[in-house]
């Protein structure tokens, strides 16, 4: 006998026993009150009727209950598996598979968050210098390794509440939450120095370096995301034009200085 059958039989016996006791109590109480005789037929009726009716009915009800419980258990397991699959898919679609950082879509969603009055974030765009030359010289596997190490440096120098993403190719984005430009410039400079100091290619005679240029822009509460990206992109281009391996936050100021005699 299976455990399921044992449970159904056990519950049916308990219910039938209760029904027999209740039938005896009601029947004998009524007979005594009406001064009717209690003969052997009364004992047989009070015993057999609950058994003949209660046992099949109880077995059917408890069998259906077991079936429903099994179905609920299967549905719960299916729901748990579906939720885990959904979480994995959500992670895959919002994260870059190589670096583990946010993908462009996931990063942009973080940038689009609603900011309270007086609350500022700062965006950093980080781009390796002469990266195509690095790939050509050392191969794409080393290039991928370099991107992963830059990604780790970005995560290391940011806070848990900040967001770091790979925006495409070799460009990274860093969203410093609740941080004004003055503090963000320090973080950006620390990132630049850390990447510059990483030992890249071991066991070779030539000195291999990977540096990054960084452009930044402050994000006010009512800012348009695309405008901020364009501003930070201009600052990044300015950093590249000024010699690379540097941080630029003031595109307009730098531009004016460049044209001033």
C-alpha atoms as a PDB file:
ATOM      1  CA  UNK A   1       0.000   0.000   0.000  1.00  0.00           C
ATOM      2  CA  UNK A   2       1.346   3.385  -0.980  1.00  0.00           C
ATOM      3  CA  UNK A   3       1.768   6.218   1.541  1.00  0.00           C
ATOM      4  CA  UNK A   4      -1.038   8.073  -0.242  1.00  0.00           C
ATOM      5  CA  UNK A   5      -3.425   5.113   0.158  1.00  0.00           C
ATOM      6  CA  UNK A   6      -2.447   4.754   3.817  1.00  0.00           C
ATOM      7  CA  UNK A   7      -3.234   8.405   4.473  1.00  0.00           C
ATOM      8  CA  UNK A   8      -6.630   8.118   2.765  1.00  0.00           C
ATOM      9  CA  UNK A   9      -7.517   4.916   4.629  1.00  0.00           C
ATOM     10  CA  UNK A  10      -6.388   6.298   7.975  1.00  0.00           C
ATOM     11  CA  UNK A  11      -8.392   9.496   7.624  1.00  0.00           C
ATOM     12  CA  UNK A  12     -11.448   7.560   6.430  1.00  0.00           C
ATOM     13  CA  UNK A  13     -11.300   5.216   9.461  1.00  0.00           C
ATOM     14  CA  UNK A  14     -11.026   8.158  11.854  1.00  0.00           C
ATOM     15  CA  UNK A  15     -14.006   9.933  10.295  1.00  0.00           C
ATOM     16  CA  UNK A  16     -16.055   6.703  10.189  1.00  0.00           C
ATOM     17  CA  UNK A  17     -15.289   5.992  13.847  1.00  0.00           C
ATOM     18  CA  UNK A  18     -16.450   9.482  14.801  1.00  0.00           C
ATOM     19  CA  UNK A  19     -19.597   8.959  12.711  1.00  0.00           C
ATOM     20  CA  UNK A  20     -20.334   5.628  14.474  1.00  0.00           C
ATOM     21  CA  UNK A  21     -19.939   7.196  17.912  1.00  0.00           C
ATOM     22  CA  UNK A  22     -22.125  10.139  16.931  1.00  0.00           C
ATOM     23  CA  UNK A  23     -24.773   7.809  15.459  1.00  0.00           C
ATOM     24  CA  UNK A  24     -24.893   5.718  18.636  1.00  0.00           C
ATOM     25  CA  UNK A  25     -25.170   8.814  20.785  1.00  0.00           C
ATOM     26  CA  UNK A  26     -27.981  10.371  18.743  1.00  0.00           C
ATOM     27  CA  UNK A  27     -29.890   7.122  18.152  1.00  0.00           C
ATOM     28  CA  UNK A  28     -29.754   5.848  21.723  1.00  0.00           C
ATOM     29  CA  UNK A  29     -30.555   9.287  23.141  1.00  0.00           C
ATOM     30  CA  UNK A  30     -33.611   9.521  20.916  1.00  0.00           C
ATOM     31  CA  UNK A  31     -34.771   5.979  21.761  1.00  0.00           C
ATOM     32  CA  UNK A  32     -34.378   6.597  25.478  1.00  0.00           C
ATOM     33  CA  UNK A  33     -36.253   9.891  25.235  1.00  0.00           C
ATOM     34  CA  UNK A  34     -39.070   8.243  23.246  1.00  0.00           C
ATOM     35  CA  UNK A  35     -39.002   5.146  25.492  1.00  0.00           C
ATOM     36  CA  UNK A  36     -38.272   2.892  22.567  1.00  0.00           C
ATOM     37  CA  UNK A  37     -36.497  -0.418  23.113  1.00  0.00           C
ATOM     38  CA  UNK A  38     -32.799  -0.773  22.275  1.00  0.00           C
ATOM     39  CA  UNK A  39     -32.438  -4.161  20.600  1.00  0.00           C
ATOM     40  CA  UNK A  40     -29.761  -5.876  18.571  1.00  0.00           C
ATOM     41  CA  UNK A  41     -31.036  -4.272  15.362  1.00  0.00           C
ATOM     42  CA  UNK A  42     -30.316  -0.828  16.790  1.00  0.00           C
ATOM     43  CA  UNK A  43     -26.739  -1.834  17.441  1.00  0.00           C
ATOM     44  CA  UNK A  44     -26.387  -3.195  13.892  1.00  0.00           C
ATOM     45  CA  UNK A  45     -27.903  -0.076  12.315  1.00  0.00           C
ATOM     46  CA  UNK A  46     -25.732   2.307  14.313  1.00  0.00           C
ATOM     47  CA  UNK A  47     -22.638   0.347  13.333  1.00  0.00           C
ATOM     48  CA  UNK A  48     -23.199  -0.648   9.711  1.00  0.00           C
ATOM     49  CA  UNK A  49     -24.876   2.489   8.352  1.00  0.00           C
ATOM     50  CA  UNK A  50     -21.941   4.830   9.171  1.00  0.00           C
ATOM     51  CA  UNK A  51     -19.504   2.228   7.827  1.00  0.00           C
ATOM     52  CA  UNK A  52     -21.406   1.649   4.576  1.00  0.00           C
ATOM     53  CA  UNK A  53     -21.921   5.353   3.976  1.00  0.00           C
ATOM     54  CA  UNK A  54     -19.050   7.048   5.783  1.00  0.00           C
ATOM     55  CA  UNK A  55     -16.172   4.922   4.553  1.00  0.00           C
ATOM     56  CA  UNK A  56     -16.793   5.324   0.764  1.00  0.00           C
ATOM     57  CA  UNK A  57     -17.696   8.990   1.091  1.00  0.00           C
ATOM     58  CA  UNK A  58     -14.701   9.693   3.329  1.00  0.00           C
ATOM     59  CA  UNK A  59     -12.343   7.784   1.038  1.00  0.00           C
ATOM     60  CA  UNK A  60     -13.598   9.734  -1.991  1.00  0.00           C
ATOM     61  CA  UNK A  61     -13.293  13.104  -0.259  1.00  0.00           C
ATOM     62  CA  UNK A  62      -9.811  12.414   1.075  1.00  0.00           C
ATOM     63  CA  UNK A  63      -8.667  11.028  -2.292  1.00  0.00           C
ATOM     64  CA  UNK A  64      -9.807  14.259  -3.942  1.00  0.00           C
ATOM     65  CA  UNK A  65      -8.054  16.227  -1.209  1.00  0.00           C
ATOM     66  CA  UNK A  66      -4.816  14.352  -1.862  1.00  0.00           C
ATOM     67  CA  UNK A  67      -5.154  14.973  -5.596  1.00  0.00           C
ATOM     68  CA  UNK A  68      -5.722  18.696  -5.032  1.00  0.00           C
ATOM     69  CA  UNK A  69      -2.743  18.866  -2.655  1.00  0.00           C
ATOM     70  CA  UNK A  70      -0.515  17.096  -5.191  1.00  0.00           C
ATOM     71  CA  UNK A  71      -1.657  19.527  -7.875  1.00  0.00           C
ATOM     72  CA  UNK A  72      -0.949  22.496  -5.588  1.00  0.00           C
ATOM     73  CA  UNK A  73       2.524  21.150  -4.823  1.00  0.00           C
ATOM     74  CA  UNK A  74       3.260  20.723  -8.533  1.00  0.00           C
ATOM     75  CA  UNK A  75       1.974  24.221  -9.276  1.00  0.00           C
ATOM     76  CA  UNK A  76       4.118  25.683  -6.501  1.00  0.00           C
ATOM     77  CA  UNK A  77       7.212  23.919  -7.841  1.00  0.00           C
ATOM     78  CA  UNK A  78       6.389  25.085 -11.365  1.00  0.00           C
ATOM     79  CA  UNK A  79       5.901  28.647 -10.129  1.00  0.00           C
ATOM     80  CA  UNK A  80       9.222  28.552  -8.262  1.00  0.00           C
ATOM     81  CA  UNK A  81      11.018  27.208 -11.345  1.00  0.00           C
ATOM     82  CA  UNK A  82       9.325  29.818 -13.546  1.00  0.00           C
ATOM     83  CA  UNK A  83      10.269  32.625 -11.169  1.00  0.00           C
ATOM     84  CA  UNK A  84      13.900  31.448 -11.068  1.00  0.00           C
ATOM     85  CA  UNK A  85      13.952  31.258 -14.875  1.00  0.00           C
ATOM     86  CA  UNK A  86      12.446  34.741 -15.079  1.00  0.00           C
ATOM     87  CA  UNK A  87      15.062  36.100 -12.675  1.00  0.00           C
ATOM     88  CA  UNK A  88      17.853  34.506 -14.693  1.00  0.00           C
ATOM     89  CA  UNK A  89      16.459  35.882 -17.955  1.00  0.00           C
ATOM     90  CA  UNK A  90      16.022  39.318 -16.402  1.00  0.00           C
ATOM     91  CA  UNK A  91      19.639  39.253 -15.250  1.00  0.00           C
ATOM     92  CA  UNK A  92      20.881  38.067 -18.642  1.00  0.00           C
ATOM     93  CA  UNK A  93      18.934  40.709 -20.545  1.00  0.00           C
ATOM     94  CA  UNK A  94      20.028  43.534 -18.223  1.00  0.00           C
ATOM     95  CA  UNK A  95      23.697  42.550 -17.811  1.00  0.00           C
ATOM     96  CA  UNK A  96      26.696  42.227 -20.068  1.00  0.00           C
ATOM     97  CA  UNK A  97      27.714  38.536 -20.273  1.00  0.00           C
ATOM     98  CA  UNK A  98      31.471  39.181 -20.457  1.00  0.00           C
ATOM     99  CA  UNK A  99      31.988  41.704 -17.653  1.00  0.00           C
ATOM    100  CA  UNK A 100      28.907  41.036 -15.537  1.00  0.00           C
ATOM    101  CA  UNK A 101      28.121  44.765 -15.546  1.00  0.00           C
ATOM    102  CA  UNK A 102      24.790  46.272 -16.492  1.00  0.00           C
ATOM    103  CA  UNK A 103      24.020  46.275 -20.193  1.00  0.00           C
ATOM    104  CA  UNK A 104      23.246  49.529 -21.956  1.00  0.00           C
ATOM    105  CA  UNK A 105      19.509  49.010 -21.469  1.00  0.00           C
ATOM    106  CA  UNK A 106      19.890  48.184 -17.784  1.00  0.00           C
ATOM    107  CA  UNK A 107      22.171  51.166 -17.243  1.00  0.00           C
ATOM    108  CA  UNK A 108      19.850  53.569 -19.052  1.00  0.00           C
ATOM    109  CA  UNK A 109      16.975  52.376 -16.865  1.00  0.00           C
ATOM    110  CA  UNK A 110      19.008  53.340 -13.799  1.00  0.00           C
ATOM    111  CA  UNK A 111      19.767  56.750 -15.303  1.00  0.00           C
ATOM    112  CA  UNK A 112      16.073  57.405 -15.952  1.00  0.00           C
ATOM    113  CA  UNK A 113      15.157  57.191 -12.269  1.00  0.00           C
ATOM    114  CA  UNK A 114      13.101  60.005 -10.762  1.00  0.00           C
ATOM    115  CA  UNK A 115      15.170  62.378  -8.626  1.00  0.00           C
ATOM    116  CA  UNK A 116      13.866  64.488  -5.776  1.00  0.00           C
ATOM    117  CA  UNK A 117      14.222  68.249  -5.724  1.00  0.00           C
ATOM    118  CA  UNK A 118      17.842  69.134  -5.045  1.00  0.00           C
ATOM    119  CA  UNK A 119      19.061  65.570  -5.631  1.00  0.00           C
ATOM    120  CA  UNK A 120      21.903  65.217  -8.118  1.00  0.00           C
ATOM    121  CA  UNK A 121      23.654  62.241  -9.699  1.00  0.00           C
ATOM    122  CA  UNK A 122      26.795  62.309 -11.816  1.00  0.00           C
ATOM    123  CA  UNK A 123      27.486  60.316 -14.977  1.00  0.00           C
ATOM    124  CA  UNK A 124      30.965  59.182 -15.973  1.00  0.00           C
ATOM    125  CA  UNK A 125      31.768  57.833 -19.435  1.00  0.00           C
ATOM    126  CA  UNK A 126      34.956  55.759 -19.366  1.00  0.00           C
ATOM    127  CA  UNK A 127      36.705  54.742 -22.588  1.00  0.00           C
ATOM    128  CA  UNK A 128      40.096  52.986 -23.001  1.00  0.00           C
ATOM    129  CA  UNK A 129      42.687  54.873 -25.040  1.00  0.00           C
ATOM    130  CA  UNK A 130      43.921  53.424 -28.347  1.00  0.00           C
ATOM    131  CA  UNK A 131      42.034  50.226 -27.626  1.00  0.00           C
ATOM    132  CA  UNK A 132      41.870  49.101 -31.247  1.00  0.00           C
ATOM    133  CA  UNK A 133      45.670  49.246 -31.364  1.00  0.00           C
ATOM    134  CA  UNK A 134      45.846  47.150 -28.201  1.00  0.00           C
ATOM    135  CA  UNK A 135      43.559  44.556 -29.810  1.00  0.00           C
ATOM    136  CA  UNK A 136      45.578  44.514 -33.019  1.00  0.00           C
ATOM    137  CA  UNK A 137      48.862  44.136 -31.175  1.00  0.00           C
ATOM    138  CA  UNK A 138      47.924  41.621 -28.473  1.00  0.00           C
ATOM    139  CA  UNK A 139      44.808  39.914 -29.812  1.00  0.00           C
ATOM    140  CA  UNK A 140      41.133  40.128 -28.957  1.00  0.00           C
ATOM    141  CA  UNK A 141      41.411  37.684 -26.053  1.00  0.00           C
ATOM    142  CA  UNK A 142      43.795  40.070 -24.300  1.00  0.00           C
ATOM    143  CA  UNK A 143      41.491  42.910 -25.258  1.00  0.00           C
ATOM    144  CA  UNK A 144      38.570  41.155 -23.597  1.00  0.00           C
ATOM    145  CA  UNK A 145      40.731  40.514 -20.536  1.00  0.00           C
ATOM    146  CA  UNK A 146      41.575  44.220 -20.401  1.00  0.00           C
ATOM    147  CA  UNK A 147      37.886  45.155 -20.517  1.00  0.00           C
ATOM    148  CA  UNK A 148      37.123  42.748 -17.689  1.00  0.00           C
ATOM    149  CA  UNK A 149      39.912  44.202 -15.558  1.00  0.00           C
ATOM    150  CA  UNK A 150      38.722  47.746 -16.233  1.00  0.00           C
ATOM    151  CA  UNK A 151      35.208  46.664 -15.242  1.00  0.00           C
ATOM    152  CA  UNK A 152      36.542  45.277 -11.953  1.00  0.00           C
ATOM    153  CA  UNK A 153      38.375  48.534 -11.302  1.00  0.00           C
ATOM    154  CA  UNK A 154      35.166  50.493 -11.827  1.00  0.00           C
ATOM    155  CA  UNK A 155      33.241  48.272  -9.436  1.00  0.00           C
ATOM    156  CA  UNK A 156      36.057  48.439  -6.875  1.00  0.00           C
ATOM    157  CA  UNK A 157      36.075  52.249  -6.777  1.00  0.00           C
ATOM    158  CA  UNK A 158      32.292  52.757  -6.686  1.00  0.00           C
ATOM    159  CA  UNK A 159      29.773  52.347  -3.886  1.00  0.00           C
ATOM    160  CA  UNK A 160      27.109  49.622  -3.597  1.00  0.00           C
ATOM    161  CA  UNK A 161      24.377  52.102  -4.535  1.00  0.00           C
ATOM    162  CA  UNK A 162      26.137  53.263  -7.693  1.00  0.00           C
ATOM    163  CA  UNK A 163      25.591  51.689 -11.123  1.00  0.00           C
ATOM    164  CA  UNK A 164      28.279  50.503 -13.506  1.00  0.00           C
ATOM    165  CA  UNK A 165      27.481  49.383 -17.041  1.00  0.00           C
ATOM    166  CA  UNK A 166      29.070  48.466 -20.343  1.00  0.00           C
ATOM    167  CA  UNK A 167      27.417  50.776 -22.843  1.00  0.00           C
ATOM    168  CA  UNK A 168      28.792  49.085 -25.931  1.00  0.00           C
ATOM    169  CA  UNK A 169      32.135  48.026 -27.340  1.00  0.00           C
ATOM    170  CA  UNK A 170      34.792  49.326 -24.967  1.00  0.00           C
ATOM    171  CA  UNK A 171      32.790  52.218 -23.471  1.00  0.00           C
ATOM    172  CA  UNK A 172      31.666  52.042 -19.846  1.00  0.00           C
ATOM    173  CA  UNK A 173      29.233  54.154 -17.876  1.00  0.00           C
ATOM    174  CA  UNK A 174      29.296  54.918 -14.157  1.00  0.00           C
ATOM    175  CA  UNK A 175      26.298  56.467 -12.417  1.00  0.00           C
ATOM    176  CA  UNK A 176      27.323  57.971  -9.087  1.00  0.00           C
ATOM    177  CA  UNK A 177      24.101  58.258  -7.160  1.00  0.00           C
ATOM    178  CA  UNK A 178      23.531  61.350  -5.036  1.00  0.00           C
ATOM    179  CA  UNK A 179      26.999  62.733  -5.830  1.00  0.00           C
ATOM    180  CA  UNK A 180      27.812  66.195  -7.108  1.00  0.00           C
ATOM    181  CA  UNK A 181      30.446  66.970  -9.712  1.00  0.00           C
ATOM    182  CA  UNK A 182      33.163  67.968  -7.236  1.00  0.00           C
ATOM    183  CA  UNK A 183      33.160  64.587  -5.499  1.00  0.00           C
ATOM    184  CA  UNK A 184      32.693  62.723  -8.768  1.00  0.00           C
ATOM    185  CA  UNK A 185      35.834  64.271 -10.216  1.00  0.00           C
ATOM    186  CA  UNK A 186      37.839  62.698  -7.395  1.00  0.00           C
ATOM    187  CA  UNK A 187      36.282  59.276  -8.109  1.00  0.00           C
ATOM    188  CA  UNK A 188      36.995  59.682 -11.828  1.00  0.00           C
ATOM    189  CA  UNK A 189      40.619  60.594 -11.169  1.00  0.00           C
ATOM    190  CA  UNK A 190      41.002  57.569  -8.879  1.00  0.00           C
ATOM    191  CA  UNK A 191      39.615  55.346 -11.640  1.00  0.00           C
ATOM    192  CA  UNK A 192      42.047  56.811 -14.156  1.00  0.00           C
ATOM    193  CA  UNK A 193      45.022  56.253 -11.847  1.00  0.00           C
ATOM    194  CA  UNK A 194      43.999  52.720 -10.895  1.00  0.00           C
ATOM    195  CA  UNK A 195      43.605  51.626 -14.516  1.00  0.00           C
ATOM    196  CA  UNK A 196      46.911  53.279 -15.455  1.00  0.00           C
ATOM    197  CA  UNK A 197      48.679  51.360 -12.691  1.00  0.00           C
ATOM    198  CA  UNK A 198      47.364  47.912 -13.609  1.00  0.00           C
ATOM    199  CA  UNK A 199      50.124  45.561 -14.891  1.00  0.00           C
ATOM    200  CA  UNK A 200      48.701  44.315 -18.188  1.00  0.00           C
ATOM    201  CA  UNK A 201      50.988  41.992 -20.157  1.00  0.00           C
ATOM    202  CA  UNK A 202      53.340  39.778 -18.181  1.00  0.00           C
ATOM    203  CA  UNK A 203      56.483  38.115 -19.468  1.00  0.00           C
ATOM    204  CA  UNK A 204      57.228  40.575 -22.268  1.00  0.00           C
ATOM    205  CA  UNK A 205      60.085  43.010 -22.763  1.00  0.00           C
ATOM    206  CA  UNK A 206      58.016  45.960 -23.940  1.00  0.00           C
ATOM    207  CA  UNK A 207      56.056  48.114 -21.546  1.00  0.00           C
ATOM    208  CA  UNK A 208      52.351  47.691 -22.230  1.00  0.00           C
ATOM    209  CA  UNK A 209      49.902  50.182 -20.779  1.00  0.00           C
ATOM    210  CA  UNK A 210      46.178  50.644 -20.989  1.00  0.00           C
ATOM    211  CA  UNK A 211      44.805  54.006 -19.954  1.00  0.00           C
ATOM    212  CA  UNK A 212      41.326  55.472 -19.968  1.00  0.00           C
ATOM    213  CA  UNK A 213      39.841  58.835 -20.739  1.00  0.00           C
ATOM    214  CA  UNK A 214      36.829  59.902 -18.710  1.00  0.00           C
ATOM    215  CA  UNK A 215      34.112  62.454 -19.421  1.00  0.00           C
ATOM    216  CA  UNK A 216      31.603  63.453 -16.766  1.00  0.00           C
ATOM    217  CA  UNK A 217      28.357  65.341 -16.446  1.00  0.00           C
ATOM    218  CA  UNK A 218      26.203  66.243 -13.472  1.00  0.00           C
ATOM    219  CA  UNK A 219      22.573  65.115 -13.631  1.00  0.00           C
ATOM    220  CA  UNK A 220      20.044  67.553 -12.100  1.00  0.00           C
ATOM    221  CA  UNK A 221      16.547  66.400 -11.065  1.00  0.00           C
ATOM    222  CA  UNK A 222      14.825  67.580 -14.265  1.00  0.00           C
ATOM    223  CA  UNK A 223      17.552  66.500 -16.690  1.00  0.00           C
ATOM    224  CA  UNK A 224      16.950  64.776 -20.001  1.00  0.00           C
ATOM    225  CA  UNK A 225      18.910  61.530 -20.197  1.00  0.00           C
ATOM    226  CA  UNK A 226      19.991  61.992 -23.802  1.00  0.00           C
ATOM    227  CA  UNK A 227      21.195  65.536 -23.112  1.00  0.00           C
ATOM    228  CA  UNK A 228      23.328  64.278 -20.220  1.00  0.00           C
ATOM    229  CA  UNK A 229      24.787  61.517 -22.388  1.00  0.00           C
ATOM    230  CA  UNK A 230      25.655  64.027 -25.090  1.00  0.00           C
ATOM    231  CA  UNK A 231      27.297  66.357 -22.571  1.00  0.00           C
ATOM    232  CA  UNK A 232      29.342  63.566 -21.018  1.00  0.00           C
ATOM    233  CA  UNK A 233      30.242  62.345 -24.525  1.00  0.00           C
ATOM    234  CA  UNK A 234      31.535  65.801 -25.441  1.00  0.00           C
ATOM    235  CA  UNK A 235      33.631  65.852 -22.275  1.00  0.00           C
ATOM    236  CA  UNK A 236      34.996  62.418 -23.128  1.00  0.00           C
ATOM    237  CA  UNK A 237      35.917  63.616 -26.623  1.00  0.00           C
ATOM    238  CA  UNK A 238      37.576  66.655 -25.074  1.00  0.00           C
ATOM    239  CA  UNK A 239      39.659  64.411 -22.804  1.00  0.00           C
ATOM    240  CA  UNK A 240      40.750  62.409 -25.856  1.00  0.00           C
ATOM    241  CA  UNK A 241      41.654  65.540 -27.805  1.00  0.00           C
ATOM    242  CA  UNK A 242      43.678  66.931 -24.916  1.00  0.00           C
ATOM    243  CA  UNK A 243      46.015  63.958 -24.899  1.00  0.00           C
ATOM    244  CA  UNK A 244      44.016  61.071 -23.435  1.00  0.00           C
ATOM    245  CA  UNK A 245      44.525  59.472 -20.013  1.00  0.00           C
ATOM    246  CA  UNK A 246      42.708  62.351 -18.365  1.00  0.00           C
ATOM    247  CA  UNK A 247      39.380  63.421 -16.872  1.00  0.00           C
ATOM    248  CA  UNK A 248      37.185  66.153 -18.313  1.00  0.00           C
ATOM    249  CA  UNK A 249      34.011  67.584 -16.793  1.00  0.00           C
ATOM    250  CA  UNK A 250      33.919  71.060 -18.263  1.00  0.00           C
ATOM    251  CA  UNK A 251      33.584  70.737 -22.020  1.00  0.00           C
ATOM    252  CA  UNK A 252      32.550  74.333 -22.643  1.00  0.00           C
ATOM    253  CA  UNK A 253      35.290  75.768 -20.412  1.00  0.00           C
ATOM    254  CA  UNK A 254      37.918  73.525 -21.971  1.00  0.00           C
ATOM    255  CA  UNK A 255      36.734  74.506 -25.446  1.00  0.00           C
ATOM    256  CA  UNK A 256      36.967  78.205 -24.655  1.00  0.00           C
ATOM    257  CA  UNK A 257      40.485  77.755 -23.282  1.00  0.00           C
ATOM    258  CA  UNK A 258      41.487  75.897 -26.420  1.00  0.00           C
ATOM    259  CA  UNK A 259      40.468  78.779 -28.700  1.00  0.00           C
ATOM    260  CA  UNK A 260      41.743  81.579 -26.448  1.00  0.00           C
ATOM    261  CA  UNK A 261      45.078  83.001 -27.710  1.00  0.00           C
END
